[in-house]
Structures are given as structure tokens and as C-alpha cells.
Protein backbone atom coordinates (compact mmCIF):
# COMPACT_ATOMS: atom_id res chain seq x y z
CA MET A 1 121.57 86.10 83.72
CA PRO A 2 121.26 87.93 87.09
CA SER A 3 123.53 86.52 89.79
CA HIS A 4 120.75 86.53 92.38
CA SER A 5 116.98 86.69 92.63
CA PRO A 6 115.37 89.99 93.67
CA LYS A 7 113.65 90.41 97.01
CA VAL A 8 109.94 89.59 96.78
CA VAL A 9 107.60 92.28 98.12
CA LEU A 10 103.89 91.50 98.51
CA SER A 11 101.37 94.28 97.92
CA ILE A 12 97.94 93.72 99.49
CA ALA A 13 95.85 96.59 98.17
CA GLY A 14 93.06 97.81 95.93
CA PHE A 15 93.04 98.48 92.21
CA ASP A 16 93.16 102.10 91.05
CA PRO A 17 92.54 102.18 87.27
CA SER A 18 94.36 105.53 87.01
CA SER A 19 97.51 103.80 88.40
CA GLY A 20 98.34 106.64 90.75
CA ALA A 21 97.71 104.54 93.86
CA GLY A 22 97.00 100.96 94.87
CA ILE A 23 98.43 97.79 93.39
CA THR A 24 99.56 99.13 90.02
CA ALA A 25 101.40 102.03 91.68
CA ASP A 26 102.95 99.57 94.13
CA ILE A 27 104.25 97.44 91.29
CA LYS A 28 106.00 100.49 89.81
CA THR A 29 107.45 101.51 93.16
CA ILE A 30 108.70 98.00 93.90
CA ALA A 31 110.26 97.74 90.44
CA ALA A 32 112.00 101.08 90.96
CA HIS A 33 113.64 99.57 94.03
CA GLU A 34 114.82 96.54 92.03
CA CYS A 35 112.55 94.20 93.97
CA TYR A 36 109.92 91.83 92.58
CA ALA A 37 106.24 92.58 93.19
CA VAL A 38 103.59 89.98 93.89
CA THR A 39 100.07 91.17 94.58
CA CYS A 40 96.79 90.34 96.27
CA LEU A 41 93.77 92.37 95.19
CA THR A 42 91.45 93.51 98.00
CA ALA A 43 89.00 95.67 96.05
CA VAL A 44 88.29 97.10 92.63
CA THR A 45 87.57 100.81 92.44
CA VAL A 46 86.24 103.12 89.77
CA GLN A 47 88.38 106.22 90.13
CA THR A 48 90.48 108.79 88.33
CA THR A 49 92.71 111.62 89.47
CA THR A 50 89.53 113.54 90.36
CA GLY A 51 88.16 111.05 92.89
CA VAL A 52 86.66 107.65 93.69
CA ASN A 53 83.24 106.78 92.26
CA GLN A 54 82.81 103.12 93.29
CA VAL A 55 84.42 100.62 95.67
CA CYS A 56 83.81 96.88 95.16
CA PRO A 57 85.59 94.68 97.75
CA GLU A 58 86.87 91.26 96.73
CA PRO A 59 85.45 88.11 98.40
CA ALA A 60 87.44 87.32 101.54
CA GLU A 61 87.81 83.70 100.46
CA ARG A 62 89.60 84.77 97.27
CA VAL A 63 91.91 87.03 99.24
CA THR A 64 92.84 84.16 101.57
CA ALA A 65 93.37 81.76 98.67
CA THR A 66 95.60 84.26 96.86
CA LEU A 67 97.73 85.00 99.90
CA GLU A 68 98.21 81.34 100.79
CA ALA A 69 99.11 80.46 97.21
CA LEU A 70 101.71 83.23 96.95
CA ALA A 71 103.26 82.47 100.35
CA GLY A 72 103.55 78.82 99.38
CA ASP A 73 105.34 79.65 96.14
CA MET A 74 107.85 82.44 96.89
CA PRO A 75 109.87 83.72 99.85
CA ILE A 76 108.22 87.01 100.80
CA ALA A 77 110.72 89.53 102.16
CA ALA A 78 108.26 92.33 102.95
CA VAL A 79 104.55 93.17 102.79
CA ARG A 80 102.76 96.45 102.06
CA ILE A 81 99.12 96.52 103.20
CA GLY A 82 97.00 99.32 101.76
CA MET A 83 93.28 99.65 101.11
CA LEU A 84 91.31 96.70 102.49
CA GLY A 85 87.75 97.68 101.54
CA SER A 86 85.78 95.60 104.06
CA ALA A 87 85.90 94.00 107.49
CA ALA A 88 85.83 90.53 105.92
CA VAL A 89 88.91 91.25 103.82
CA ALA A 90 90.70 92.88 106.76
CA SER A 91 90.02 89.76 108.86
CA ALA A 92 91.28 87.50 106.09
CA VAL A 93 94.54 89.47 105.87
CA ALA A 94 94.98 89.49 109.66
CA ASN A 95 94.40 85.73 109.89
CA PHE A 96 96.91 85.10 107.10
CA LEU A 97 99.61 87.25 108.70
CA ALA A 98 99.03 85.75 112.14
CA GLY A 99 99.55 82.27 110.69
CA ARG A 100 102.62 83.08 108.61
CA GLY A 101 104.73 85.35 110.80
CA LEU A 102 106.13 87.31 107.84
CA ALA A 103 108.79 89.94 108.46
CA ASN A 104 108.76 93.60 107.41
CA VAL A 105 104.99 94.07 107.31
CA VAL A 106 104.19 97.73 106.54
CA LEU A 107 100.59 98.70 107.32
CA ASP A 108 99.36 101.78 105.46
CA PRO A 109 95.96 102.34 107.15
CA VAL A 110 94.00 103.65 104.17
CA LEU A 111 90.67 104.85 105.57
CA ARG A 112 89.39 107.21 102.87
CA SER A 113 90.48 108.59 99.54
CA SER A 114 92.02 112.05 99.20
CA SER A 115 88.65 113.16 97.78
CA GLY A 116 86.88 111.96 100.94
CA THR A 117 85.35 108.62 99.87
CA PRO A 118 85.39 106.01 102.68
CA LEU A 119 87.52 103.00 101.72
CA ILE A 120 86.74 100.76 104.70
CA ASP A 121 83.67 100.36 106.91
CA GLU A 122 83.46 100.85 110.68
CA ARG A 123 83.81 97.13 111.42
CA GLY A 124 86.82 97.02 109.14
CA LEU A 125 88.39 99.89 111.07
CA LEU A 126 88.03 97.87 114.28
CA VAL A 127 89.68 94.85 112.66
CA LEU A 128 92.50 97.07 111.43
CA LYS A 129 93.08 98.47 114.94
CA ASP A 130 92.66 95.25 116.91
CA GLY A 131 93.87 92.62 114.44
CA LEU A 132 96.40 94.21 112.09
CA LEU A 133 98.19 96.92 114.07
CA PRO A 134 99.91 94.43 116.42
CA LEU A 135 101.09 92.30 113.47
CA ALA A 136 102.79 95.13 111.58
CA ALA A 137 106.47 95.97 111.81
CA VAL A 138 105.63 99.58 110.86
CA VAL A 139 102.38 101.55 110.63
CA THR A 140 102.38 104.60 108.32
CA PRO A 141 99.29 106.80 108.87
CA ASN A 142 99.05 110.35 107.62
CA ILE A 143 97.83 113.02 110.02
CA GLU A 144 94.14 112.42 109.29
CA GLU A 145 94.48 108.64 109.64
CA ALA A 146 96.43 108.97 112.88
CA ALA A 147 93.66 111.17 114.28
CA ALA A 148 90.95 108.72 113.23
CA LEU A 149 92.78 105.74 114.71
CA THR A 150 93.58 107.37 118.06
CA GLY A 151 90.76 109.88 118.54
CA LEU A 152 93.34 112.62 119.10
CA ALA A 153 93.61 116.00 117.40
CA VAL A 154 96.67 115.83 115.16
CA GLU A 155 97.55 119.21 113.68
CA ASN A 156 101.27 119.67 114.32
CA GLN A 157 104.40 117.79 115.33
CA ASP A 158 103.38 117.59 119.00
CA GLY A 159 100.08 116.02 117.92
CA MET A 160 101.94 113.61 115.65
CA ARG A 161 104.11 112.45 118.55
CA ALA A 162 101.07 112.02 120.79
CA ALA A 163 99.26 110.03 118.08
CA ALA A 164 102.30 107.80 117.66
CA ARG A 165 102.22 107.03 121.39
CA GLY A 166 98.51 106.28 121.07
CA LEU A 167 99.21 103.82 118.25
CA HIS A 168 101.93 102.18 120.35
CA ALA A 169 99.30 101.71 123.05
CA LEU A 170 97.16 99.88 120.47
CA GLY A 171 100.01 97.46 119.77
CA ALA A 172 102.04 99.13 117.01
CA ARG A 173 105.79 98.54 117.33
CA ASN A 174 107.03 101.28 115.01
CA VAL A 175 104.97 104.22 113.74
CA VAL A 176 105.62 106.78 111.01
CA VAL A 177 103.13 109.66 111.07
CA THR A 178 103.49 111.47 107.77
CA GLY A 179 102.94 115.20 107.55
CA GLY A 180 103.55 116.07 103.93
CA HIS A 181 101.36 119.18 104.02
CA LEU A 182 103.26 120.75 106.94
CA SER A 183 105.90 123.38 106.23
CA PRO A 184 108.50 122.01 106.23
CA ALA A 185 107.08 118.63 105.26
CA THR A 186 107.84 116.50 108.32
CA ASP A 187 107.45 112.82 109.11
CA ILE A 188 107.77 111.50 112.68
CA LEU A 189 109.15 108.01 113.29
CA SER A 190 108.48 106.58 116.74
CA CYS A 191 110.02 103.25 117.76
CA MET A 192 109.13 101.22 120.83
CA THR A 193 112.34 99.71 122.24
CA ALA A 194 113.40 97.92 125.40
CA GLU A 195 114.82 101.25 126.62
CA GLY A 196 111.62 103.17 125.88
CA PHE A 197 110.38 105.26 122.96
CA LYS A 198 112.81 106.67 120.41
CA THR A 199 111.60 109.43 118.11
CA TYR A 200 113.14 110.68 114.87
CA GLU A 201 112.14 113.61 112.64
CA PHE A 202 112.53 113.65 108.87
CA SER A 203 111.98 117.06 107.28
CA GLY A 204 112.06 118.19 103.68
CA PRO A 205 110.82 121.00 101.46
CA GLN A 206 107.13 121.26 100.68
CA LEU A 207 106.91 120.83 96.91
CA ALA A 208 104.63 123.11 94.89
CA THR A 209 102.85 120.44 92.86
CA THR A 210 99.38 118.99 92.34
CA SER A 211 100.88 115.55 91.58
CA THR A 212 100.16 114.07 95.00
CA HIS A 213 97.82 111.17 94.20
CA GLY A 214 99.10 108.03 95.90
CA THR A 215 101.93 109.53 97.94
CA GLY A 216 101.01 107.38 100.95
CA CYS A 217 101.05 104.21 98.85
CA ALA A 218 104.42 105.12 97.35
CA PHE A 219 105.92 105.88 100.75
CA ALA A 220 104.71 102.65 102.35
CA SER A 221 105.80 100.52 99.40
CA ALA A 222 109.23 102.18 99.25
CA LEU A 223 109.59 101.63 103.00
CA ALA A 224 108.72 97.93 102.60
CA CYS A 225 111.29 97.59 99.83
CA ASN A 226 114.04 99.26 101.85
CA LEU A 227 113.32 96.98 104.80
CA ALA A 228 113.38 93.96 102.47
CA LEU A 229 116.76 95.13 101.18
CA GLY A 230 118.18 95.10 104.70
CA CYS A 231 117.99 98.74 105.76
CA GLN A 232 117.49 99.59 109.42
CA ILE A 233 114.21 101.37 110.01
CA GLU A 234 115.63 104.91 110.33
CA LEU A 235 117.44 104.62 107.00
CA ALA A 236 114.46 102.88 105.40
CA VAL A 237 112.18 105.80 106.34
CA LYS A 238 114.73 108.39 105.16
CA LEU A 239 115.12 106.68 101.78
CA ALA A 240 111.36 106.24 101.36
CA LYS A 241 110.77 109.94 102.03
CA GLU A 242 113.48 110.89 99.53
CA TYR A 243 111.99 108.53 96.96
CA VAL A 244 108.52 110.08 97.23
CA ALA A 245 109.95 113.61 97.00
CA GLY A 246 111.87 112.64 93.87
CA ALA A 247 108.83 110.97 92.30
CA MET A 248 106.72 114.06 93.00
CA ALA A 249 109.35 116.44 91.60
CA ALA A 250 109.61 114.35 88.41
CA ALA A 251 105.84 113.84 88.05
CA TYR A 252 104.01 114.10 84.76
CA SER A 253 101.18 116.53 84.12
CA LEU A 254 98.35 114.01 83.83
CA GLY A 255 94.65 114.08 84.69
CA ARG A 256 92.20 116.78 85.70
CA GLY A 257 92.69 116.31 89.43
CA ARG A 258 95.56 115.29 91.69
CA GLY A 259 98.01 113.74 89.28
CA PRO A 260 100.15 110.61 89.75
CA LEU A 261 103.79 110.49 90.74
CA ASN A 262 106.54 109.42 88.39
CA HIS A 263 107.23 106.18 90.26
CA LEU A 264 109.96 105.07 87.85
CA PHE A 265 111.91 108.34 87.82
CA GLY A 266 115.08 106.81 89.26
CA MET A 267 115.19 103.17 88.19
CA GLY A 268 118.20 101.52 89.81
CA LYS A 269 119.02 104.50 92.02
CA THR A 270 116.48 104.36 94.87
CA SER A 271 117.38 101.37 97.01
CA GLY A 272 120.36 102.95 98.75
CA MET A 273 122.09 99.57 98.84
């Protein structure tokens, strides 16, 4: 028998039937970090590696009931918030977090799919900005999401830093703007401290692969796991970036579009602890 229970990480996200992103991908990522995944479904999608065809949000009441039941049953060490699907669901998640005060909340502001399908409405975007950003320990937008949230042009590292400051102004404590398509692939971590802003850069090679479906989900979930395992934020970001790079490099050739990562490529070797 194991000598201790694993850290519990809660994924609040949508269902991707191709398992490249969303809740099923989160479960794999969390397992790879030797944590235990519990989940709350926000929406069901019809999608494959080629794109999203339908989005069907869950009733907000069911989301609230699920979250309250899970929080009453297990100690939640970290939370990964992904696709929300509607303003009602976003409000339900914000109200739950405000009432529980959970630590290590990682907000991955999923606004549209990689194929361009909107995954939250305009009212939901406002709830995300006004209600969820201030509750998150870390916000992890990609360049396009950072631009949409701040209204700034984000095309390079200077734009990423400016967008991070804009997200701080909206209430975000720590921000990681991911720039996987830059050369070299660079993520910017910006932390708001008592002494002012601290900024860190994490660079890596740009991998020649089409297996990029769900990279944002994998990064945010890996980051949540590393925080749950006790890593400081700089190390947690570094390990999450390394995990995604490894999962991309080890990816299978699956699907006709952007293929999934190999989330389980390094079972037992990705926590850094």
C-alpha cells in the first residue's frame, strides 16, 4: 500500500472526445505527475483533431453541485480551470472559488479553439476578467488570449510583458504568457510582489511537429500539479514547460489535424520532487 495519499488536483474544463485537450487530457497530465485527478465538466464538445463542430455548455446548477460535492469530500491541493463555455458556468465557478478560498488556482483562459471556434460568449469573457482573474494564483494565456483580454497587440516578448502588466491591472497576481510559436519558444512569467513586478523568461527550442492539440491545457494542468507538489512558481513554470516539450516530442501520429500530445510519456519522472 502507498505510504501517503496523492495530491488531489481539480480540473474544471470541457470534454474533448479526441482526448487531446480538456478533462480527459487533464486526467492524463495529472496522472503523469503522480497526483489524483477529480473533475467538473463545464461543456460537452463535438470535436476531433481537425476542429470543433459543436459546443454544449453544462447547466450552471450541475456545475455548482459537482464542485461543492467534490470540495466536501476531498482536500483539493490545486485547481486547473479551462474551457467554461458560458457566462452562467463562469459565474458558477467564480462563486464557488470565492466561497472556498482554494490554493493554487491556475486559470487557463480558453477563449476559442485552435481552429477558431469560440468557446465562451462575450458575457462569459466579462465574468472571466472581472470574477475569475482576481481569484487565480496564476493565469496562463497564450499570445492571442492575452491580446483579447487586454486589448493590446501581442506579437513579441515586449508585447507579452505589456500584456502581463495589463492582466495584473485586472487583478491577476501571477501571469504566464505562453509564446510557443515564437523562435525560440518563449514563455514570460510576471509576478506581482510587495517589491514590484518580477519577470522571468523561459525559452526552449521550437519543435517541428503537428502534435500541438491541447498544449495550453497540458501546460496549465502540469503547472497546477507542480504547485500542488510544493514547487515555487518559477520552478513550477519551468517544469511545466519541460513537460509539454517532452510530451510533444514523444507524441503519436494520430488524427488528420493537429494531433494530441503523449501526456503519459514520462510517468513518474515529471514532478521534479
